[in-house]
Structures are given as structure tokens and as C-alpha cells.
């Protein structure tokens, strides 16, 4: 066995990160008039003003945010990676008013829909970020500032040649570990069996993480509301797999 220098960490360099795992897949789409109106009227209240780097959804190297200043209080912080239309995080923010929530999503229509419902529920404990989630966790948030990170149904990149683009990787585990406070929890869910197995393999081997479940899979997380997307996967016969890992 020969001594080898450790490989450098993958960098989510704004000029190149499109070639590396990101928390989204580019899709086209337009907002409805009501979504445009919500964005214009409420983005200053909900959407964090995060300086971007070279890419549209990147985070500038010197951009940082203090959760206590963002929310105006000291409370546990939950970050959802890829919040979509906000179903899970809206439900959680409405039922757990003593906790702060940050939804990270690059699709503006989803963020606008989230804002509409947040306004109806009068949620003061929810903020949104229109950026690439790994960069937010690695650069913007202070180390050890997050109580929970949620990764629910990330894009499975089903084709074999595309699986290297999957979000949950050794490097994402490193980034999540940095952001989580000691004892903080990383929760994951997917309806693709091979991705679930990959997630479990990655997190089982990740330094500083321990399983927060017994047996083969974690129980379904009660805080994840049943969405039409999840129901559709179940109807097609795909098993929904949950995983939960705690930062040691």
C-alpha cells in the first residue's frame, strides 16, 4: 500500500459547477399571472437577497448570511433542498412555528406558489432562497447552523451515464456535515430503489454521520406530507424509501 495525497474536495465553482452535482435540473416554464404578481409583491419579504457569482443561481464566494439576523430570533433552522412547490416545508412551517425554515429552490414558479400559501398562512418563520443548494450550505450559512437538512425526491438521473450527476454524493455528505450542528439530522427520501441504495451507501461511509434508524430503511418521516408526486410513484409500484442520518 502506497501513501497517497488525498484528492482535493470537489468545488462548486460558479464558473464550472454545472458539470458537477447540483440541486436542480434545468427545465423551461412560465409563471402564471398570479405567480408573477406574488413574486413582485412578496419576494422582498420572503426571498433572501443572496449575491450571485458567475452563474445565475450560484452563490458569490463572499456571500454569507446569519440565520438569527434573517429571522430576527434564535431558533432551530431546517433547510429543504429542492422545495418544489413547497408542500412539505409549508406544512412544517405552519405546524412548527417555533422553528425556522429555509426553502431552497431555483424554479421561480415553485417559489411563487410557496409565497402565495405562506401569505395565506401568515408565516413569519419561512424564507426562500433562489440558489443552488450545495453552494448555500457550503458558503452562505455558518458552519453548524442547521438543525435539519431535507432532501426529498431529488432528481434520480435514471440513465446509467447520468447517475454521476446525482446530488447525494460523498461531497454533498461533506457539505451537509459542515452545515449541520452536532446532533443535526439529514433526512432523505426517494422512490428510486437504486438511488436509495446509493444514498445509504454514501451516508453509511460518510465521516461524521451515524444512522438515525434501525433496520434496512428509516420509517416514513411524519413531517413529509403526502404529495401527488409521491402518490404517483407509489401507484406505479415504486417503494418510497426514507433515510435519516445524524451528525455525530
C-alpha atoms as a PDB file:
ATOM      1  CA  UNK A   1       0.000   0.000   0.000  1.00  0.00           C
ATOM      2  CA  UNK A   2       1.488   3.344  -1.002  1.00  0.00           C
ATOM      3  CA  UNK A   3       0.994   6.726   0.600  1.00  0.00           C
ATOM      4  CA  UNK A   4      -1.199   8.957  -1.492  1.00  0.00           C
ATOM      5  CA  UNK A   5      -2.195  12.552  -1.087  1.00  0.00           C
ATOM      6  CA  UNK A   6      -5.955  12.926  -0.515  1.00  0.00           C
ATOM      7  CA  UNK A   7      -7.881  14.124  -3.511  1.00  0.00           C
ATOM      8  CA  UNK A   8      -8.990  17.761  -3.283  1.00  0.00           C
ATOM      9  CA  UNK A   9     -12.630  18.406  -2.443  1.00  0.00           C
ATOM     10  CA  UNK A  10     -14.883  18.978  -5.406  1.00  0.00           C
ATOM     11  CA  UNK A  11     -15.571  22.675  -5.676  1.00  0.00           C
ATOM     12  CA  UNK A  12     -18.951  24.058  -6.667  1.00  0.00           C
ATOM     13  CA  UNK A  13     -17.095  26.794  -8.561  1.00  0.00           C
ATOM     14  CA  UNK A  14     -19.745  29.105 -10.067  1.00  0.00           C
ATOM     15  CA  UNK A  15     -17.942  29.014 -13.409  1.00  0.00           C
ATOM     16  CA  UNK A  16     -17.954  25.237 -13.630  1.00  0.00           C
ATOM     17  CA  UNK A  17     -20.492  23.773 -11.206  1.00  0.00           C
ATOM     18  CA  UNK A  18     -22.934  22.888 -13.992  1.00  0.00           C
ATOM     19  CA  UNK A  19     -20.595  19.950 -14.637  1.00  0.00           C
ATOM     20  CA  UNK A  20     -20.936  18.826 -11.014  1.00  0.00           C
ATOM     21  CA  UNK A  21     -23.909  17.612  -8.950  1.00  0.00           C
ATOM     22  CA  UNK A  22     -26.368  20.418  -8.314  1.00  0.00           C
ATOM     23  CA  UNK A  23     -29.689  20.542  -6.537  1.00  0.00           C
ATOM     24  CA  UNK A  24     -31.789  21.021  -9.655  1.00  0.00           C
ATOM     25  CA  UNK A  25     -32.320  20.161 -13.299  1.00  0.00           C
ATOM     26  CA  UNK A  26     -32.883  22.986 -15.743  1.00  0.00           C
ATOM     27  CA  UNK A  27     -36.419  22.982 -17.144  1.00  0.00           C
ATOM     28  CA  UNK A  28     -38.296  25.632 -19.026  1.00  0.00           C
ATOM     29  CA  UNK A  29     -41.542  27.008 -17.699  1.00  0.00           C
ATOM     30  CA  UNK A  30     -43.529  30.174 -17.314  1.00  0.00           C
ATOM     31  CA  UNK A  31     -45.243  31.629 -14.306  1.00  0.00           C
ATOM     32  CA  UNK A  32     -48.949  32.274 -14.220  1.00  0.00           C
ATOM     33  CA  UNK A  33     -50.155  35.858 -13.754  1.00  0.00           C
ATOM     34  CA  UNK A  34     -50.920  35.170 -10.099  1.00  0.00           C
ATOM     35  CA  UNK A  35     -47.421  33.777  -9.577  1.00  0.00           C
ATOM     36  CA  UNK A  36     -45.848  36.810 -11.253  1.00  0.00           C
ATOM     37  CA  UNK A  37     -47.908  39.070  -9.018  1.00  0.00           C
ATOM     38  CA  UNK A  38     -46.924  37.118  -5.903  1.00  0.00           C
ATOM     39  CA  UNK A  39     -43.264  37.281  -6.874  1.00  0.00           C
ATOM     40  CA  UNK A  40     -43.374  41.021  -7.401  1.00  0.00           C
ATOM     41  CA  UNK A  41     -45.357  41.732  -4.229  1.00  0.00           C
ATOM     42  CA  UNK A  42     -43.748  39.356  -1.750  1.00  0.00           C
ATOM     43  CA  UNK A  43     -40.214  38.471  -2.812  1.00  0.00           C
ATOM     44  CA  UNK A  44     -38.694  41.215  -0.652  1.00  0.00           C
ATOM     45  CA  UNK A  45     -40.375  39.653   2.366  1.00  0.00           C
ATOM     46  CA  UNK A  46     -39.536  36.002   1.676  1.00  0.00           C
ATOM     47  CA  UNK A  47     -36.635  35.650  -0.782  1.00  0.00           C
ATOM     48  CA  UNK A  48     -33.132  36.106   0.585  1.00  0.00           C
ATOM     49  CA  UNK A  49     -31.031  38.647  -1.273  1.00  0.00           C
ATOM     50  CA  UNK A  50     -28.018  36.414  -1.894  1.00  0.00           C
ATOM     51  CA  UNK A  51     -25.277  37.819  -4.168  1.00  0.00           C
ATOM     52  CA  UNK A  52     -24.668  35.559  -7.153  1.00  0.00           C
ATOM     53  CA  UNK A  53     -21.406  34.530  -8.740  1.00  0.00           C
ATOM     54  CA  UNK A  54     -20.818  33.969 -12.439  1.00  0.00           C
ATOM     55  CA  UNK A  55     -23.784  31.626 -12.879  1.00  0.00           C
ATOM     56  CA  UNK A  56     -27.378  32.733 -12.411  1.00  0.00           C
ATOM     57  CA  UNK A  57     -28.072  30.510  -9.412  1.00  0.00           C
ATOM     58  CA  UNK A  58     -24.578  30.400  -7.926  1.00  0.00           C
ATOM     59  CA  UNK A  59     -23.569  31.940  -4.597  1.00  0.00           C
ATOM     60  CA  UNK A  60     -20.794  34.534  -4.552  1.00  0.00           C
ATOM     61  CA  UNK A  61     -17.709  33.446  -2.638  1.00  0.00           C
ATOM     62  CA  UNK A  62     -18.006  36.262  -0.105  1.00  0.00           C
ATOM     63  CA  UNK A  63     -21.780  35.945   0.424  1.00  0.00           C
ATOM     64  CA  UNK A  64     -22.747  34.939   3.961  1.00  0.00           C
ATOM     65  CA  UNK A  65     -25.938  35.014   5.990  1.00  0.00           C
ATOM     66  CA  UNK A  66     -26.720  34.860   9.695  1.00  0.00           C
ATOM     67  CA  UNK A  67     -29.947  32.915  10.432  1.00  0.00           C
ATOM     68  CA  UNK A  68     -30.551  34.927  13.597  1.00  0.00           C
ATOM     69  CA  UNK A  69     -30.464  38.140  11.596  1.00  0.00           C
ATOM     70  CA  UNK A  70     -32.517  36.665   8.757  1.00  0.00           C
ATOM     71  CA  UNK A  71     -35.351  35.533  11.029  1.00  0.00           C
ATOM     72  CA  UNK A  72     -34.884  38.046  13.816  1.00  0.00           C
ATOM     73  CA  UNK A  73     -34.615  35.406  16.504  1.00  0.00           C
ATOM     74  CA  UNK A  74     -32.673  32.356  17.668  1.00  0.00           C
ATOM     75  CA  UNK A  75     -34.480  29.151  16.720  1.00  0.00           C
ATOM     76  CA  UNK A  76     -33.728  25.754  15.151  1.00  0.00           C
ATOM     77  CA  UNK A  77     -33.254  26.019  11.378  1.00  0.00           C
ATOM     78  CA  UNK A  78     -34.492  23.470   8.842  1.00  0.00           C
ATOM     79  CA  UNK A  79     -33.279  23.701   5.231  1.00  0.00           C
ATOM     80  CA  UNK A  80     -35.107  21.899   2.435  1.00  0.00           C
ATOM     81  CA  UNK A  81     -33.058  21.212  -0.687  1.00  0.00           C
ATOM     82  CA  UNK A  82     -35.305  21.417  -3.751  1.00  0.00           C
ATOM     83  CA  UNK A  83     -38.558  22.509  -2.121  1.00  0.00           C
ATOM     84  CA  UNK A  84     -40.578  22.374  -5.353  1.00  0.00           C
ATOM     85  CA  UNK A  85     -43.973  23.939  -4.786  1.00  0.00           C
ATOM     86  CA  UNK A  86     -43.358  23.976  -1.055  1.00  0.00           C
ATOM     87  CA  UNK A  87     -45.796  21.321   0.148  1.00  0.00           C
ATOM     88  CA  UNK A  88     -43.565  19.787   2.823  1.00  0.00           C
ATOM     89  CA  UNK A  89     -41.952  22.955   4.114  1.00  0.00           C
ATOM     90  CA  UNK A  90     -45.184  24.960   4.194  1.00  0.00           C
ATOM     91  CA  UNK A  91     -46.900  22.284   6.261  1.00  0.00           C
ATOM     92  CA  UNK A  92     -43.921  22.146   8.608  1.00  0.00           C
ATOM     93  CA  UNK A  93     -43.654  25.930   8.965  1.00  0.00           C
ATOM     94  CA  UNK A  94     -47.355  26.210   9.746  1.00  0.00           C
ATOM     95  CA  UNK A  95     -47.347  23.452  12.357  1.00  0.00           C
ATOM     96  CA  UNK A  96     -43.948  24.226  13.920  1.00  0.00           C
ATOM     97  CA  UNK A  97     -43.965  27.967  14.499  1.00  0.00           C
ATOM     98  CA  UNK A  98     -41.106  27.684  16.991  1.00  0.00           C
ATOM     99  CA  UNK A  99     -38.769  26.519  14.179  1.00  0.00           C
ATOM    100  CA  UNK A 100     -37.377  28.495  11.227  1.00  0.00           C
ATOM    101  CA  UNK A 101     -37.473  27.080   7.704  1.00  0.00           C
ATOM    102  CA  UNK A 102     -35.468  27.861   4.572  1.00  0.00           C
ATOM    103  CA  UNK A 103     -36.727  26.531   1.230  1.00  0.00           C
ATOM    104  CA  UNK A 104     -34.011  26.301  -1.449  1.00  0.00           C
ATOM    105  CA  UNK A 105     -35.348  26.113  -4.997  1.00  0.00           C
ATOM    106  CA  UNK A 106     -34.216  27.544  -8.352  1.00  0.00           C
ATOM    107  CA  UNK A 107     -37.592  27.374 -10.102  1.00  0.00           C
ATOM    108  CA  UNK A 108     -39.260  30.693  -9.595  1.00  0.00           C
ATOM    109  CA  UNK A 109     -42.763  29.389 -10.253  1.00  0.00           C
ATOM    110  CA  UNK A 110     -42.405  26.970  -7.343  1.00  0.00           C
ATOM    111  CA  UNK A 111     -41.127  29.730  -5.087  1.00  0.00           C
ATOM    112  CA  UNK A 112     -44.009  31.987  -6.130  1.00  0.00           C
ATOM    113  CA  UNK A 113     -46.558  29.304  -5.294  1.00  0.00           C
ATOM    114  CA  UNK A 114     -44.852  28.812  -1.966  1.00  0.00           C
ATOM    115  CA  UNK A 115     -45.131  32.557  -1.285  1.00  0.00           C
ATOM    116  CA  UNK A 116     -48.839  32.594  -2.067  1.00  0.00           C
ATOM    117  CA  UNK A 117     -49.557  29.893   0.501  1.00  0.00           C
ATOM    118  CA  UNK A 118     -47.135  31.398   3.016  1.00  0.00           C
ATOM    119  CA  UNK A 119     -49.033  34.681   2.851  1.00  0.00           C
ATOM    120  CA  UNK A 120     -52.369  32.952   3.370  1.00  0.00           C
ATOM    121  CA  UNK A 121     -50.963  31.137   6.416  1.00  0.00           C
ATOM    122  CA  UNK A 122     -49.231  34.287   7.697  1.00  0.00           C
ATOM    123  CA  UNK A 123     -45.903  32.508   8.068  1.00  0.00           C
ATOM    124  CA  UNK A 124     -43.146  34.571   9.629  1.00  0.00           C
ATOM    125  CA  UNK A 125     -40.818  31.597  10.054  1.00  0.00           C
ATOM    126  CA  UNK A 126     -40.256  30.808   6.366  1.00  0.00           C
ATOM    127  CA  UNK A 127     -37.715  32.215   3.929  1.00  0.00           C
ATOM    128  CA  UNK A 128     -36.822  31.211   0.378  1.00  0.00           C
ATOM    129  CA  UNK A 129     -33.518  31.046  -1.493  1.00  0.00           C
ATOM    130  CA  UNK A 130     -33.273  31.004  -5.293  1.00  0.00           C
ATOM    131  CA  UNK A 131     -29.813  29.431  -5.486  1.00  0.00           C
ATOM    132  CA  UNK A 132     -28.001  26.143  -5.918  1.00  0.00           C
ATOM    133  CA  UNK A 133     -28.395  24.383  -2.565  1.00  0.00           C
ATOM    134  CA  UNK A 134     -24.898  22.869  -2.159  1.00  0.00           C
ATOM    135  CA  UNK A 135     -23.374  26.318  -2.532  1.00  0.00           C
ATOM    136  CA  UNK A 136     -25.767  27.791   0.018  1.00  0.00           C
ATOM    137  CA  UNK A 137     -24.892  25.058   2.519  1.00  0.00           C
ATOM    138  CA  UNK A 138     -21.166  25.305   1.835  1.00  0.00           C
ATOM    139  CA  UNK A 139     -20.697  29.074   1.554  1.00  0.00           C
ATOM    140  CA  UNK A 140     -23.662  31.104   2.739  1.00  0.00           C
ATOM    141  CA  UNK A 141     -24.789  29.535   6.008  1.00  0.00           C
ATOM    142  CA  UNK A 142     -22.462  29.449   9.015  1.00  0.00           C
ATOM    143  CA  UNK A 143     -20.867  26.131   9.884  1.00  0.00           C
ATOM    144  CA  UNK A 144     -23.001  24.162  12.327  1.00  0.00           C
ATOM    145  CA  UNK A 145     -26.031  26.427  11.954  1.00  0.00           C
ATOM    146  CA  UNK A 146     -28.635  23.962  10.641  1.00  0.00           C
ATOM    147  CA  UNK A 147     -30.738  21.588  12.754  1.00  0.00           C
ATOM    148  CA  UNK A 148     -32.083  19.530   9.835  1.00  0.00           C
ATOM    149  CA  UNK A 149     -31.486  19.234   6.091  1.00  0.00           C
ATOM    150  CA  UNK A 150     -34.234  17.699   3.972  1.00  0.00           C
ATOM    151  CA  UNK A 151     -33.609  16.114   0.561  1.00  0.00           C
ATOM    152  CA  UNK A 152     -36.933  14.726  -0.626  1.00  0.00           C
ATOM    153  CA  UNK A 153     -37.192  13.106  -4.058  1.00  0.00           C
ATOM    154  CA  UNK A 154     -34.154  14.636  -5.765  1.00  0.00           C
ATOM    155  CA  UNK A 155     -33.852  14.028  -9.492  1.00  0.00           C
ATOM    156  CA  UNK A 156     -32.823  10.348  -9.857  1.00  0.00           C
ATOM    157  CA  UNK A 157     -30.926  10.797 -13.139  1.00  0.00           C
ATOM    158  CA  UNK A 158     -32.216   7.416 -14.240  1.00  0.00           C
ATOM    159  CA  UNK A 159     -29.912   6.774 -17.201  1.00  0.00           C
ATOM    160  CA  UNK A 160     -26.729   4.975 -16.254  1.00  0.00           C
ATOM    161  CA  UNK A 161     -24.471   7.532 -17.898  1.00  0.00           C
ATOM    162  CA  UNK A 162     -26.175  10.343 -15.958  1.00  0.00           C
ATOM    163  CA  UNK A 163     -26.019   8.850 -12.466  1.00  0.00           C
ATOM    164  CA  UNK A 164     -22.806  10.726 -11.748  1.00  0.00           C
ATOM    165  CA  UNK A 165     -24.956  13.871 -11.712  1.00  0.00           C
ATOM    166  CA  UNK A 166     -26.973  12.745  -8.713  1.00  0.00           C
ATOM    167  CA  UNK A 167     -26.971  15.198  -5.847  1.00  0.00           C
ATOM    168  CA  UNK A 168     -26.272  12.800  -2.991  1.00  0.00           C
ATOM    169  CA  UNK A 169     -22.563  12.056  -3.218  1.00  0.00           C
ATOM    170  CA  UNK A 170     -19.512  11.919  -0.984  1.00  0.00           C
ATOM    171  CA  UNK A 171     -19.014  15.630  -1.468  1.00  0.00           C
ATOM    172  CA  UNK A 172     -22.619  16.502  -0.673  1.00  0.00           C
ATOM    173  CA  UNK A 173     -22.255  14.492   2.537  1.00  0.00           C
ATOM    174  CA  UNK A 174     -19.212  16.603   3.418  1.00  0.00           C
ATOM    175  CA  UNK A 175     -21.134  19.814   2.721  1.00  0.00           C
ATOM    176  CA  UNK A 176     -24.163  18.678   4.723  1.00  0.00           C
ATOM    177  CA  UNK A 177     -21.918  17.716   7.633  1.00  0.00           C
ATOM    178  CA  UNK A 178     -20.399  21.201   7.625  1.00  0.00           C
ATOM    179  CA  UNK A 179     -23.786  22.909   7.709  1.00  0.00           C
ATOM    180  CA  UNK A 180     -25.391  20.697  10.358  1.00  0.00           C
ATOM    181  CA  UNK A 181     -24.968  21.342  14.047  1.00  0.00           C
ATOM    182  CA  UNK A 182     -23.724  18.444  16.224  1.00  0.00           C
ATOM    183  CA  UNK A 183     -26.689  16.120  16.557  1.00  0.00           C
ATOM    184  CA  UNK A 184     -28.332  17.635  13.474  1.00  0.00           C
ATOM    185  CA  UNK A 185     -30.211  15.346  11.098  1.00  0.00           C
ATOM    186  CA  UNK A 186     -30.058  14.788   7.351  1.00  0.00           C
ATOM    187  CA  UNK A 187     -33.372  13.368   6.103  1.00  0.00           C
ATOM    188  CA  UNK A 188     -33.713  11.850   2.634  1.00  0.00           C
ATOM    189  CA  UNK A 189     -36.454  10.198   0.615  1.00  0.00           C
ATOM    190  CA  UNK A 190     -36.685   8.773  -2.892  1.00  0.00           C
ATOM    191  CA  UNK A 191     -38.910   6.467  -4.912  1.00  0.00           C
ATOM    192  CA  UNK A 192     -35.988   5.046  -6.924  1.00  0.00           C
ATOM    193  CA  UNK A 193     -34.589   1.925  -5.294  1.00  0.00           C
ATOM    194  CA  UNK A 194     -31.099   2.142  -6.743  1.00  0.00           C
ATOM    195  CA  UNK A 195     -30.799   5.791  -5.703  1.00  0.00           C
ATOM    196  CA  UNK A 196     -31.961   4.891  -2.200  1.00  0.00           C
ATOM    197  CA  UNK A 197     -29.264   2.223  -2.077  1.00  0.00           C
ATOM    198  CA  UNK A 198     -26.687   4.729  -3.313  1.00  0.00           C
ATOM    199  CA  UNK A 199     -27.768   7.283  -0.689  1.00  0.00           C
ATOM    200  CA  UNK A 200     -27.452   4.677   2.034  1.00  0.00           C
ATOM    201  CA  UNK A 201     -24.042   3.551   0.801  1.00  0.00           C
ATOM    202  CA  UNK A 202     -22.767   7.146   0.663  1.00  0.00           C
ATOM    203  CA  UNK A 203     -24.062   8.158   4.094  1.00  0.00           C
ATOM    204  CA  UNK A 204     -23.057   4.908   5.792  1.00  0.00           C
ATOM    205  CA  UNK A 205     -19.481   5.618   4.702  1.00  0.00           C
ATOM    206  CA  UNK A 206     -19.547   9.387   5.282  1.00  0.00           C
ATOM    207  CA  UNK A 207     -17.263  10.583   8.108  1.00  0.00           C
ATOM    208  CA  UNK A 208     -19.142  12.155  10.981  1.00  0.00           C
ATOM    209  CA  UNK A 209     -22.568  10.629  10.245  1.00  0.00           C
ATOM    210  CA  UNK A 210     -24.361   7.801  12.038  1.00  0.00           C
ATOM    211  CA  UNK A 211     -27.615   6.088  11.163  1.00  0.00           C
ATOM    212  CA  UNK A 212     -30.660   7.529  12.876  1.00  0.00           C
ATOM    213  CA  UNK A 213     -32.703   4.411  12.191  1.00  0.00           C
ATOM    214  CA  UNK A 214     -32.602   0.683  12.768  1.00  0.00           C
ATOM    215  CA  UNK A 215     -33.173  -1.999  10.196  1.00  0.00           C
ATOM    216  CA  UNK A 216     -32.839  -1.599   6.451  1.00  0.00           C
ATOM    217  CA  UNK A 217     -34.675   1.714   5.976  1.00  0.00           C
ATOM    218  CA  UNK A 218     -35.933   4.547   8.146  1.00  0.00           C
ATOM    219  CA  UNK A 219     -39.616   4.882   8.940  1.00  0.00           C
ATOM    220  CA  UNK A 220     -41.522   7.388   6.847  1.00  0.00           C
ATOM    221  CA  UNK A 221     -40.821  10.874   8.156  1.00  0.00           C
ATOM    222  CA  UNK A 222     -44.054  12.198   9.667  1.00  0.00           C
ATOM    223  CA  UNK A 223     -43.134  15.741   8.669  1.00  0.00           C
ATOM    224  CA  UNK A 224     -43.264  14.918   4.969  1.00  0.00           C
ATOM    225  CA  UNK A 225     -46.797  15.443   3.726  1.00  0.00           C
ATOM    226  CA  UNK A 226     -48.048  13.094   1.039  1.00  0.00           C
ATOM    227  CA  UNK A 227     -47.830  14.872  -2.312  1.00  0.00           C
ATOM    228  CA  UNK A 228     -49.314  13.990  -5.690  1.00  0.00           C
ATOM    229  CA  UNK A 229     -45.761  13.292  -6.904  1.00  0.00           C
ATOM    230  CA  UNK A 230     -45.154  10.722  -4.157  1.00  0.00           C
ATOM    231  CA  UNK A 231     -48.597   9.189  -4.640  1.00  0.00           C
ATOM    232  CA  UNK A 232     -47.952   8.815  -8.369  1.00  0.00           C
ATOM    233  CA  UNK A 233     -44.707   6.960  -7.707  1.00  0.00           C
ATOM    234  CA  UNK A 234     -46.419   4.628  -5.246  1.00  0.00           C
ATOM    235  CA  UNK A 235     -49.204   3.925  -7.732  1.00  0.00           C
ATOM    236  CA  UNK A 236     -46.582   2.866 -10.247  1.00  0.00           C
ATOM    237  CA  UNK A 237     -45.327   0.312  -7.755  1.00  0.00           C
ATOM    238  CA  UNK A 238     -42.199   2.158  -6.648  1.00  0.00           C
ATOM    239  CA  UNK A 239     -41.305   1.777  -2.986  1.00  0.00           C
ATOM    240  CA  UNK A 240     -40.811   5.029  -1.114  1.00  0.00           C
ATOM    241  CA  UNK A 241     -37.543   4.814   0.819  1.00  0.00           C
ATOM    242  CA  UNK A 242     -36.671   7.082   3.737  1.00  0.00           C
ATOM    243  CA  UNK A 243     -33.240   7.524   5.289  1.00  0.00           C
ATOM    244  CA  UNK A 244     -32.125   9.558   8.281  1.00  0.00           C
ATOM    245  CA  UNK A 245     -28.583  10.277   9.415  1.00  0.00           C
ATOM    246  CA  UNK A 246     -27.395  12.218  12.437  1.00  0.00           C
ATOM    247  CA  UNK A 247     -24.231  14.274  12.593  1.00  0.00           C
ATOM    248  CA  UNK A 248     -22.082  12.764  15.316  1.00  0.00           C
END
